[in-house]
Amino acid sequence: MKTIVRSTLLAIVGIATMSAAHAGEIWRATGFEQPESALFDAVNKRIIVSNIVGNPGDADGNGYLSVLSLDGKVTTRHWTDGMDAPKGMAISGDKLYVADITKIRVVDLASGKLAWTIDVPNAIFLNDMTTDVSDKVYVTDMLADAIYHIDDERPELFAKDTALASPNGIFADGNRLIVASWGKGIKSDFSTAEPGGLVAVDLATKAISQLPGAQKFADLDGVIAIGDTIYATSYMTGTLYRYKVDGTPETVATFKPGSADIGTYGSRIFVPLMNDGEVVALTLD
């Protein structure tokens, strides 16, 4: 997933666009501490941001959640404290589920209070989360090539396969899960021997397939789908890509390295910039 070592990363200043696709910046919120995920809360019309605050793998108790308004104002800086290194999130019913290294934190969505913690046996590095149409929650374990689902507050292994290639981002899209894989052979600086790509997992059969034209093109982090278009970030280069079935990934925007787990609301995309402590809202043409 993430590394906070910046010396190995190319510093690309500002936001760039290409003629094939366009994203315009609406606002940029600052002052976060390694924001990893930005999730839209549809019920309360707000954006919840996870802050790692330290090494992404350290259980140090420093992590917390913040709340942003839809116009980019921080309404609550420390909404939920007492976490270690919170990353991806998903909403099911009146609860918010947060991936936190080897645990899942369950937060009361109304109050922001930590309700309970779910231990995930054998987990190594839980990362992103999503909810399907039946409100079932899924979470990736990036360093174990695995996906878990939460059934009646109990974690159960859903898929484990090297074809997942370090699954980072995950998004439930109809009868499938779309997975953004980081790649194979992760090195100490989080570069890879083989880059990742976009993967689909059938919810009924658990069959894993590569999305045509989107194999092995980048070390991917966050992923969402808007209609028939998939958007994914590459943390190492700061690139936001878009992909349509049977096409090839196109660059929508490029930031400094550190773009992480994206969220969406309508035609807007929320991009956490982990190394810069910022969250950017984009609108898409």
C-alpha atoms as a PDB file:
ATOM      1  CA  MET A   1       0.000   0.000   0.000  1.00  0.00           C
ATOM      2  CA  LYS A   2       1.697   3.077   1.327  1.00  0.00           C
ATOM      3  CA  THR A   3       5.179   4.193   2.194  1.00  0.00           C
ATOM      4  CA  ILE A   4       6.085   7.454   3.841  1.00  0.00           C
ATOM      5  CA  VAL A   5       9.613   7.346   2.449  1.00  0.00           C
ATOM      6  CA  ARG A   6       9.618  10.235  -0.007  1.00  0.00           C
ATOM      7  CA  SER A   7      13.181  10.157  -1.259  1.00  0.00           C
ATOM      8  CA  THR A   8      12.353   7.326  -3.626  1.00  0.00           C
ATOM      9  CA  LEU A   9       9.394   9.109  -5.165  1.00  0.00           C
ATOM     10  CA  LEU A  10       9.241  11.528  -8.087  1.00  0.00           C
ATOM     11  CA  ALA A  11       7.900  14.904  -7.007  1.00  0.00           C
ATOM     12  CA  ILE A  12       5.383  16.003  -9.581  1.00  0.00           C
ATOM     13  CA  VAL A  13       4.173  19.482  -8.700  1.00  0.00           C
ATOM     14  CA  GLY A  14       0.540  20.462  -9.089  1.00  0.00           C
ATOM     15  CA  ILE A  15      -2.212  18.857 -11.077  1.00  0.00           C
ATOM     16  CA  ALA A  16      -1.937  17.996 -14.755  1.00  0.00           C
ATOM     17  CA  THR A  17      -4.533  16.836 -17.205  1.00  0.00           C
ATOM     18  CA  MET A  18      -4.564  15.143 -20.593  1.00  0.00           C
ATOM     19  CA  SER A  19      -6.812  15.825 -23.549  1.00  0.00           C
ATOM     20  CA  ALA A  20      -8.384  12.348 -23.380  1.00  0.00           C
ATOM     21  CA  ALA A  21      -9.932  13.013 -19.983  1.00  0.00           C
ATOM     22  CA  HIS A  22     -10.363  16.017 -17.756  1.00  0.00           C
ATOM     23  CA  ALA A  23     -10.777  16.630 -14.044  1.00  0.00           C
ATOM     24  CA  GLY A  24     -11.224  20.066 -12.523  1.00  0.00           C
ATOM     25  CA  GLU A  25     -10.280  20.837  -8.935  1.00  0.00           C
ATOM     26  CA  ILE A  26     -13.180  22.148  -6.839  1.00  0.00           C
ATOM     27  CA  TRP A  27     -11.482  22.541  -3.482  1.00  0.00           C
ATOM     28  CA  ARG A  28      -8.505  21.366  -1.446  1.00  0.00           C
ATOM     29  CA  ALA A  29      -8.696  20.755   2.310  1.00  0.00           C
ATOM     30  CA  THR A  30      -5.455  20.790   4.329  1.00  0.00           C
ATOM     31  CA  GLY A  31      -4.125  19.995   7.779  1.00  0.00           C
ATOM     32  CA  PHE A  32      -4.630  16.224   7.824  1.00  0.00           C
ATOM     33  CA  GLU A  33      -2.061  13.724   9.105  1.00  0.00           C
ATOM     34  CA  GLN A  34      -1.407  11.138   6.387  1.00  0.00           C
ATOM     35  CA  PRO A  35      -4.995  10.983   5.116  1.00  0.00           C
ATOM     36  CA  GLU A  36      -5.446   7.538   3.574  1.00  0.00           C
ATOM     37  CA  SER A  37      -9.134   7.323   2.719  1.00  0.00           C
ATOM     38  CA  ALA A  38     -11.970   9.753   1.946  1.00  0.00           C
ATOM     39  CA  LEU A  39     -15.428   8.167   2.146  1.00  0.00           C
ATOM     40  CA  PHE A  40     -18.710   9.886   1.276  1.00  0.00           C
ATOM     41  CA  ASP A  41     -21.400   9.398   3.947  1.00  0.00           C
ATOM     42  CA  ALA A  42     -24.653   9.629   1.960  1.00  0.00           C
ATOM     43  CA  VAL A  43     -26.976   9.736   4.966  1.00  0.00           C
ATOM     44  CA  ASN A  44     -25.250  12.661   6.643  1.00  0.00           C
ATOM     45  CA  LYS A  45     -23.936  14.344   3.449  1.00  0.00           C
ATOM     46  CA  ARG A  46     -20.333  14.569   4.571  1.00  0.00           C
ATOM     47  CA  ILE A  47     -16.903  13.085   3.901  1.00  0.00           C
ATOM     48  CA  ILE A  48     -15.105  10.957   6.493  1.00  0.00           C
ATOM     49  CA  VAL A  49     -11.295  10.978   6.331  1.00  0.00           C
ATOM     50  CA  SER A  50      -8.951   8.455   7.964  1.00  0.00           C
ATOM     51  CA  ASN A  51      -5.635   9.761   9.366  1.00  0.00           C
ATOM     52  CA  ILE A  52      -2.781   7.263   9.831  1.00  0.00           C
ATOM     53  CA  VAL A  53      -0.374   9.521  11.791  1.00  0.00           C
ATOM     54  CA  GLY A  54       2.849   7.508  11.638  1.00  0.00           C
ATOM     55  CA  ASN A  55       3.987   4.245  10.133  1.00  0.00           C
ATOM     56  CA  PRO A  56       1.051   2.578   8.325  1.00  0.00           C
ATOM     57  CA  GLY A  57       1.876  -0.736  10.004  1.00  0.00           C
ATOM     58  CA  ASP A  58       2.402   0.440  13.593  1.00  0.00           C
ATOM     59  CA  ALA A  59      -0.210  -0.182  16.289  1.00  0.00           C
ATOM     60  CA  ASP A  60       0.620   3.083  18.064  1.00  0.00           C
ATOM     61  CA  GLY A  61      -2.830   4.428  18.974  1.00  0.00           C
ATOM     62  CA  ASN A  62      -2.241   7.686  17.068  1.00  0.00           C
ATOM     63  CA  GLY A  63      -4.761   7.235  14.251  1.00  0.00           C
ATOM     64  CA  TYR A  64      -8.102   9.019  14.049  1.00  0.00           C
ATOM     65  CA  LEU A  65     -10.985  10.003  11.775  1.00  0.00           C
ATOM     66  CA  SER A  66     -11.950  13.505  10.632  1.00  0.00           C
ATOM     67  CA  VAL A  67     -15.120  14.897   9.057  1.00  0.00           C
ATOM     68  CA  LEU A  68     -15.308  17.229   6.051  1.00  0.00           C
ATOM     69  CA  SER A  69     -18.295  19.093   4.671  1.00  0.00           C
ATOM     70  CA  LEU A  70     -19.073  18.749   0.959  1.00  0.00           C
ATOM     71  CA  ASP A  71     -17.616  22.217   0.344  1.00  0.00           C
ATOM     72  CA  GLY A  72     -14.258  21.181   1.808  1.00  0.00           C
ATOM     73  CA  LYS A  73     -14.510  22.617   5.324  1.00  0.00           C
ATOM     74  CA  VAL A  74     -13.236  20.556   8.258  1.00  0.00           C
ATOM     75  CA  THR A  75     -16.211  20.275  10.594  1.00  0.00           C
ATOM     76  CA  THR A  76     -14.565  17.903  13.127  1.00  0.00           C
ATOM     77  CA  ARG A  77     -10.824  17.367  13.105  1.00  0.00           C
ATOM     78  CA  HIS A  78     -10.807  14.547  15.687  1.00  0.00           C
ATOM     79  CA  TRP A  79     -14.162  12.829  15.223  1.00  0.00           C
ATOM     80  CA  THR A  80     -13.055   9.332  16.289  1.00  0.00           C
ATOM     81  CA  ASP A  81      -9.812   8.770  18.207  1.00  0.00           C
ATOM     82  CA  GLY A  82      -8.240   5.614  19.626  1.00  0.00           C
ATOM     83  CA  MET A  83      -7.197   3.918  16.387  1.00  0.00           C
ATOM     84  CA  ASP A  84      -3.772   2.787  15.204  1.00  0.00           C
ATOM     85  CA  ALA A  85      -3.351   3.341  11.458  1.00  0.00           C
ATOM     86  CA  PRO A  86      -6.879   3.579   9.982  1.00  0.00           C
ATOM     87  CA  LYS A  87      -7.148   3.163   6.230  1.00  0.00           C
ATOM     88  CA  GLY A  88     -10.152   2.139   4.086  1.00  0.00           C
ATOM     89  CA  MET A  89     -13.735   2.460   5.308  1.00  0.00           C
ATOM     90  CA  ALA A  90     -17.235   1.224   4.458  1.00  0.00           C
ATOM     91  CA  ILE A  91     -20.731   2.030   5.731  1.00  0.00           C
ATOM     92  CA  SER A  92     -23.285  -0.669   6.505  1.00  0.00           C
ATOM     93  CA  GLY A  93     -26.522   0.348   8.181  1.00  0.00           C
ATOM     94  CA  ASP A  94     -25.810   2.781  10.994  1.00  0.00           C
ATOM     95  CA  LYS A  95     -22.202   1.637  11.426  1.00  0.00           C
ATOM     96  CA  LEU A  96     -18.905   2.695   9.896  1.00  0.00           C
ATOM     97  CA  TYR A  97     -16.304  -0.055   9.420  1.00  0.00           C
ATOM     98  CA  VAL A  98     -12.630   0.937   9.382  1.00  0.00           C
ATOM     99  CA  ALA A  99      -9.632  -1.212   8.385  1.00  0.00           C
ATOM    100  CA  ASP A 100      -6.921  -0.834  11.033  1.00  0.00           C
ATOM    101  CA  ILE A 101      -3.890  -3.087  10.323  1.00  0.00           C
ATOM    102  CA  THR A 102      -5.189  -6.450  11.612  1.00  0.00           C
ATOM    103  CA  LYS A 103      -8.472  -5.249  13.111  1.00  0.00           C
ATOM    104  CA  ILE A 104     -11.709  -3.698  11.938  1.00  0.00           C
ATOM    105  CA  ARG A 105     -12.983  -0.798  14.021  1.00  0.00           C
ATOM    106  CA  VAL A 106     -16.748  -0.402  14.157  1.00  0.00           C
ATOM    107  CA  VAL A 107     -17.908   3.188  14.712  1.00  0.00           C
ATOM    108  CA  ASP A 108     -21.384   4.502  15.458  1.00  0.00           C
ATOM    109  CA  LEU A 109     -22.140   6.636  12.403  1.00  0.00           C
ATOM    110  CA  ALA A 110     -24.296   9.132  14.287  1.00  0.00           C
ATOM    111  CA  SER A 111     -21.962   9.891  17.187  1.00  0.00           C
ATOM    112  CA  GLY A 112     -18.506   8.934  15.898  1.00  0.00           C
ATOM    113  CA  LYS A 113     -17.941   6.821  18.994  1.00  0.00           C
ATOM    114  CA  LEU A 114     -15.939   3.622  18.667  1.00  0.00           C
ATOM    115  CA  ALA A 115     -18.501   0.864  19.287  1.00  0.00           C
ATOM    116  CA  TRP A 116     -16.361  -2.273  19.169  1.00  0.00           C
ATOM    117  CA  THR A 117     -13.389  -3.907  17.458  1.00  0.00           C
ATOM    118  CA  ILE A 118     -13.343  -7.021  15.274  1.00  0.00           C
ATOM    119  CA  ASP A 119     -10.095  -9.001  15.276  1.00  0.00           C
ATOM    120  CA  VAL A 120      -9.286 -10.639  11.936  1.00  0.00           C
ATOM    121  CA  PRO A 121      -7.265 -13.823  12.580  1.00  0.00           C
ATOM    122  CA  ASN A 122      -4.228 -14.268  10.300  1.00  0.00           C
ATOM    123  CA  ALA A 123      -4.600 -10.763   8.877  1.00  0.00           C
ATOM    124  CA  ILE A 124      -1.367  -8.976   7.985  1.00  0.00           C
ATOM    125  CA  PHE A 125      -2.214  -5.589   6.480  1.00  0.00           C
ATOM    126  CA  LEU A 126      -5.911  -4.805   6.085  1.00  0.00           C
ATOM    127  CA  ASN A 127      -6.412  -1.989   3.639  1.00  0.00           C
ATOM    128  CA  ASP A 128      -9.570  -0.957   1.805  1.00  0.00           C
ATOM    129  CA  MET A 129     -13.241  -1.751   2.422  1.00  0.00           C
ATOM    130  CA  THR A 130     -16.534  -1.750   0.520  1.00  0.00           C
ATOM    131  CA  THR A 131     -20.194  -2.714   0.952  1.00  0.00           C
ATOM    132  CA  ASP A 132     -22.266  -4.641  -1.600  1.00  0.00           C
ATOM    133  CA  VAL A 133     -25.985  -4.229  -2.368  1.00  0.00           C
ATOM    134  CA  SER A 134     -26.925  -6.579   0.487  1.00  0.00           C
ATOM    135  CA  ASP A 135     -24.904  -4.443   2.934  1.00  0.00           C
ATOM    136  CA  LYS A 136     -22.228  -7.115   3.331  1.00  0.00           C
ATOM    137  CA  VAL A 137     -18.805  -5.634   4.128  1.00  0.00           C
ATOM    138  CA  TYR A 138     -15.557  -6.680   2.422  1.00  0.00           C
ATOM    139  CA  VAL A 139     -11.952  -5.802   3.279  1.00  0.00           C
ATOM    140  CA  THR A 140      -8.672  -6.452   1.460  1.00  0.00           C
ATOM    141  CA  ASP A 141      -5.548  -7.825   3.105  1.00  0.00           C
ATOM    142  CA  MET A 142      -2.873  -6.414   0.831  1.00  0.00           C
ATOM    143  CA  LEU A 143       0.110  -8.396   2.085  1.00  0.00           C
ATOM    144  CA  ALA A 144      -1.769 -11.711   2.233  1.00  0.00           C
ATOM    145  CA  ASP A 145      -3.365 -11.655  -1.261  1.00  0.00           C
ATOM    146  CA  ALA A 146      -6.710 -12.025   0.484  1.00  0.00           C
ATOM    147  CA  ILE A 147     -10.204 -10.571   0.793  1.00  0.00           C
ATOM    148  CA  TYR A 148     -12.400 -11.066   3.871  1.00  0.00           C
ATOM    149  CA  HIS A 149     -16.082 -10.410   4.322  1.00  0.00           C
ATOM    150  CA  ILE A 150     -17.846  -9.597   7.551  1.00  0.00           C
ATOM    151  CA  ASP A 151     -20.798 -11.883   8.256  1.00  0.00           C
ATOM    152  CA  ASP A 152     -22.811 -11.115  11.384  1.00  0.00           C
ATOM    153  CA  GLU A 153     -19.817  -9.197  12.771  1.00  0.00           C
ATOM    154  CA  ARG A 154     -17.531 -12.180  12.179  1.00  0.00           C
ATOM    155  CA  PRO A 155     -14.691 -12.034   9.635  1.00  0.00           C
ATOM    156  CA  GLU A 156     -14.619 -14.865   7.113  1.00  0.00           C
ATOM    157  CA  LEU A 157     -12.110 -15.458   4.345  1.00  0.00           C
ATOM    158  CA  PHE A 158     -13.788 -14.715   1.008  1.00  0.00           C
ATOM    159  CA  ALA A 159     -10.876 -15.171  -1.431  1.00  0.00           C
ATOM    160  CA  LYS A 160      -7.163 -15.836  -1.209  1.00  0.00           C
ATOM    161  CA  ASP A 161      -5.182 -16.073  -4.435  1.00  0.00           C
ATOM    162  CA  THR A 162      -1.898 -14.769  -5.844  1.00  0.00           C
ATOM    163  CA  ALA A 163      -3.937 -13.550  -8.831  1.00  0.00           C
ATOM    164  CA  LEU A 164      -5.146 -10.747  -6.556  1.00  0.00           C
ATOM    165  CA  ALA A 165      -1.540  -9.468  -6.661  1.00  0.00           C
ATOM    166  CA  SER A 166      -1.483  -7.483  -3.408  1.00  0.00           C
ATOM    167  CA  PRO A 167      -5.106  -6.288  -3.405  1.00  0.00           C
ATOM    168  CA  ASN A 168      -5.328  -2.717  -2.185  1.00  0.00           C
ATOM    169  CA  GLY A 169      -8.456  -0.868  -3.300  1.00  0.00           C
ATOM    170  CA  ILE A 170     -11.833  -2.598  -3.483  1.00  0.00           C
ATOM    171  CA  PHE A 171     -15.254  -1.469  -4.720  1.00  0.00           C
ATOM    172  CA  ALA A 172     -18.490  -3.455  -4.949  1.00  0.00           C
ATOM    173  CA  ASP A 173     -19.968  -3.003  -8.430  1.00  0.00           C
ATOM    174  CA  GLY A 174     -23.170  -4.973  -8.993  1.00  0.00           C
ATOM    175  CA  ASN A 175     -22.414  -8.700  -8.934  1.00  0.00           C
ATOM    176  CA  ARG A 176     -18.658  -8.279  -8.661  1.00  0.00           C
ATOM    177  CA  LEU A 177     -15.883  -6.739  -6.649  1.00  0.00           C
ATOM    178  CA  ILE A 178     -13.451  -4.504  -8.499  1.00  0.00           C
ATOM    179  CA  VAL A 179      -9.980  -4.774  -6.999  1.00  0.00           C
ATOM    180  CA  ALA A 180      -7.050  -2.418  -7.528  1.00  0.00           C
ATOM    181  CA  SER A 181      -3.927  -4.530  -7.157  1.00  0.00           C
ATOM    182  CA  TRP A 182      -0.613  -3.023  -6.119  1.00  0.00           C
ATOM    183  CA  GLY A 183       1.433  -5.686  -7.899  1.00  0.00           C
ATOM    184  CA  LYS A 184       3.708  -8.617  -7.210  1.00  0.00           C
ATOM    185  CA  GLY A 185       7.118  -8.684  -5.544  1.00  0.00           C
ATOM    186  CA  ILE A 186       6.735  -5.651  -3.259  1.00  0.00           C
ATOM    187  CA  LYS A 187      10.130  -4.194  -2.322  1.00  0.00           C
ATOM    188  CA  SER A 188      11.200  -2.259   0.763  1.00  0.00           C
ATOM    189  CA  ASP A 189      10.309   1.064  -0.888  1.00  0.00           C
ATOM    190  CA  PHE A 190       6.928  -0.366  -1.977  1.00  0.00           C
ATOM    191  CA  SER A 191       7.888  -0.468  -5.644  1.00  0.00           C
ATOM    192  CA  THR A 192       7.138  -3.819  -7.280  1.00  0.00           C
ATOM    193  CA  ALA A 193       8.807  -6.405  -9.469  1.00  0.00           C
ATOM    194  CA  GLU A 194       5.560  -6.541 -11.473  1.00  0.00           C
ATOM    195  CA  PRO A 195       3.009  -3.698 -11.447  1.00  0.00           C
ATOM    196  CA  GLY A 196      -0.601  -4.269 -10.561  1.00  0.00           C
ATOM    197  CA  GLY A 197      -3.819  -3.701 -12.465  1.00  0.00           C
ATOM    198  CA  LEU A 198      -7.588  -3.967 -12.252  1.00  0.00           C
ATOM    199  CA  VAL A 199      -9.126  -7.276 -11.207  1.00  0.00           C
ATOM    200  CA  ALA A 200     -12.743  -8.456 -10.954  1.00  0.00           C
ATOM    201  CA  VAL A 201     -13.997 -11.032  -8.435  1.00  0.00           C
ATOM    202  CA  ASP A 202     -17.424 -12.577  -9.042  1.00  0.00           C
ATOM    203  CA  LEU A 203     -19.472 -12.367  -5.835  1.00  0.00           C
ATOM    204  CA  ALA A 204     -21.329 -15.614  -6.513  1.00  0.00           C
ATOM    205  CA  THR A 205     -18.572 -17.867  -7.869  1.00  0.00           C
ATOM    206  CA  LYS A 206     -15.514 -16.020  -6.467  1.00  0.00           C
ATOM    207  CA  ALA A 207     -13.903 -16.381  -9.893  1.00  0.00           C
ATOM    208  CA  ILE A 208     -11.031 -13.939 -10.406  1.00  0.00           C
ATOM    209  CA  SER A 209     -10.397 -12.290 -13.768  1.00  0.00           C
ATOM    210  CA  GLN A 210      -8.183  -9.512 -15.096  1.00  0.00           C
ATOM    211  CA  LEU A 211     -10.016  -6.598 -16.697  1.00  0.00           C
ATOM    212  CA  PRO A 212      -9.048  -6.547 -20.399  1.00  0.00           C
ATOM    213  CA  GLY A 213      -6.536  -3.826 -21.218  1.00  0.00           C
ATOM    214  CA  ALA A 214      -5.937  -2.957 -17.550  1.00  0.00           C
ATOM    215  CA  GLN A 215      -3.390  -5.607 -16.584  1.00  0.00           C
ATOM    216  CA  LYS A 216       0.010  -4.827 -15.061  1.00  0.00           C
ATOM    217  CA  PHE A 217       0.049  -1.100 -15.760  1.00  0.00           C
ATOM    218  CA  ALA A 218       0.596   0.555 -12.332  1.00  0.00           C
ATOM    219  CA  ASP A 219       0.926   0.004  -8.579  1.00  0.00           C
ATOM    220  CA  LEU A 220      -2.714   0.766  -7.782  1.00  0.00           C
ATOM    221  CA  ASP A 221      -4.221   2.013  -4.546  1.00  0.00           C
ATOM    222  CA  GLY A 222      -7.815   3.292  -4.436  1.00  0.00           C
ATOM    223  CA  VAL A 223     -10.627   2.353  -6.806  1.00  0.00           C
ATOM    224  CA  ILE A 224     -14.233   3.413  -7.451  1.00  0.00           C
ATOM    225  CA  ALA A 225     -16.774   2.993 -10.253  1.00  0.00           C
ATOM    226  CA  ILE A 226     -19.058   5.707 -11.603  1.00  0.00           C
ATOM    227  CA  GLY A 227     -21.493   4.209 -14.091  1.00  0.00           C
ATOM    228  CA  ASP A 228     -19.501   2.168 -16.579  1.00  0.00           C
ATOM    229  CA  THR A 229     -16.227   3.928 -15.793  1.00  0.00           C
ATOM    230  CA  ILE A 230     -13.659   2.796 -13.230  1.00  0.00           C
ATOM    231  CA  TYR A 231     -11.279   5.247 -11.573  1.00  0.00           C
ATOM    232  CA  ALA A 232      -8.113   4.173  -9.753  1.00  0.00           C
ATOM    233  CA  THR A 233      -5.115   5.867  -8.179  1.00  0.00           C
ATOM    234  CA  SER A 234      -1.439   4.986  -8.272  1.00  0.00           C
ATOM    235  CA  TYR A 235       0.149   5.999  -4.989  1.00  0.00           C
ATOM    236  CA  MET A 236       3.726   5.869  -6.267  1.00  0.00           C
ATOM    237  CA  THR A 237       3.193   8.324  -9.130  1.00  0.00           C
ATOM    238  CA  GLY A 238       0.181  10.262  -7.872  1.00  0.00           C
ATOM    239  CA  THR A 239      -1.786   9.389 -11.001  1.00  0.00           C
ATOM    240  CA  LEU A 240      -5.567   9.157 -11.188  1.00  0.00           C
ATOM    241  CA  TYR A 241      -6.628   6.838 -14.022  1.00  0.00           C
ATOM    242  CA  ARG A 242      -9.948   6.107 -15.678  1.00  0.00           C
ATOM    243  CA  TYR A 243     -10.843   2.887 -17.471  1.00  0.00           C
ATOM    244  CA  LYS A 244     -13.798   1.712 -19.546  1.00  0.00           C
ATOM    245  CA  VAL A 245     -14.439  -1.909 -20.453  1.00  0.00           C
ATOM    246  CA  ASP A 246     -12.138  -3.245 -23.175  1.00  0.00           C
ATOM    247  CA  GLY A 247     -10.294   0.083 -23.268  1.00  0.00           C
ATOM    248  CA  THR A 248      -6.966   1.114 -21.790  1.00  0.00           C
ATOM    249  CA  PRO A 249      -6.331   3.195 -18.657  1.00  0.00           C
ATOM    250  CA  GLU A 250      -6.164   6.936 -19.317  1.00  0.00           C
ATOM    251  CA  THR A 251      -4.656   9.581 -17.065  1.00  0.00           C
ATOM    252  CA  VAL A 252      -7.253  11.959 -15.630  1.00  0.00           C
ATOM    253  CA  ALA A 253      -5.017  13.878 -13.219  1.00  0.00           C
ATOM    254  CA  THR A 254      -1.565  13.695 -11.689  1.00  0.00           C
ATOM    255  CA  PHE A 255      -0.599  14.864  -8.235  1.00  0.00           C
ATOM    256  CA  LYS A 256       2.530  14.489  -6.165  1.00  0.00           C
ATOM    257  CA  PRO A 257       3.092  10.853  -5.105  1.00  0.00           C
ATOM    258  CA  GLY A 258       0.739   9.818  -2.322  1.00  0.00           C
ATOM    259  CA  SER A 259      -2.751   9.697  -3.874  1.00  0.00           C
ATOM    260  CA  ALA A 260      -4.547   6.996  -1.915  1.00  0.00           C
ATOM    261  CA  ASP A 261      -8.053   5.565  -1.342  1.00  0.00           C
ATOM    262  CA  ILE A 262     -10.552   7.653  -3.304  1.00  0.00           C
ATOM    263  CA  GLY A 263     -14.226   8.256  -2.605  1.00  0.00           C
ATOM    264  CA  THR A 264     -17.069   9.463  -4.813  1.00  0.00           C
ATOM    265  CA  TYR A 265     -20.332  11.409  -4.742  1.00  0.00           C
ATOM    266  CA  GLY A 266     -22.140  11.860  -8.040  1.00  0.00           C
ATOM    267  CA  SER A 267     -19.580  13.107 -10.553  1.00  0.00           C
ATOM    268  CA  ARG A 268     -17.161  14.163  -7.839  1.00  0.00           C
ATOM    269  CA  ILE A 269     -14.092  12.250  -6.723  1.00  0.00           C
ATOM    270  CA  PHE A 270     -12.358  12.843  -3.396  1.00  0.00           C
ATOM    271  CA  VAL A 271      -8.606  12.138  -3.485  1.00  0.00           C
ATOM    272  CA  PRO A 272      -6.574  11.909  -0.260  1.00  0.00           C
ATOM    273  CA  LEU A 273      -2.989  13.069  -0.774  1.00  0.00           C
ATOM    274  CA  MET A 274      -1.306  11.148   1.987  1.00  0.00           C
ATOM    275  CA  ASN A 275       2.157  12.712   1.849  1.00  0.00           C
ATOM    276  CA  ASP A 276       0.812  16.263   1.638  1.00  0.00           C
ATOM    277  CA  GLY A 277      -1.852  16.006   4.335  1.00  0.00           C
ATOM    278  CA  GLU A 278      -4.575  17.127   1.929  1.00  0.00           C
ATOM    279  CA  VAL A 279      -7.858  15.977   0.424  1.00  0.00           C
ATOM    280  CA  VAL A 280      -8.762  17.250  -3.053  1.00  0.00           C
ATOM    281  CA  ALA A 281     -12.231  17.273  -4.610  1.00  0.00           C
ATOM    282  CA  LEU A 282     -12.415  16.895  -8.380  1.00  0.00           C
ATOM    283  CA  THR A 283     -15.276  17.219 -10.822  1.00  0.00           C
ATOM    284  CA  LEU A 284     -15.233  15.158 -13.984  1.00  0.00           C
ATOM    285  CA  ASP A 285     -16.246  16.069 -17.519  1.00  0.00           C
END
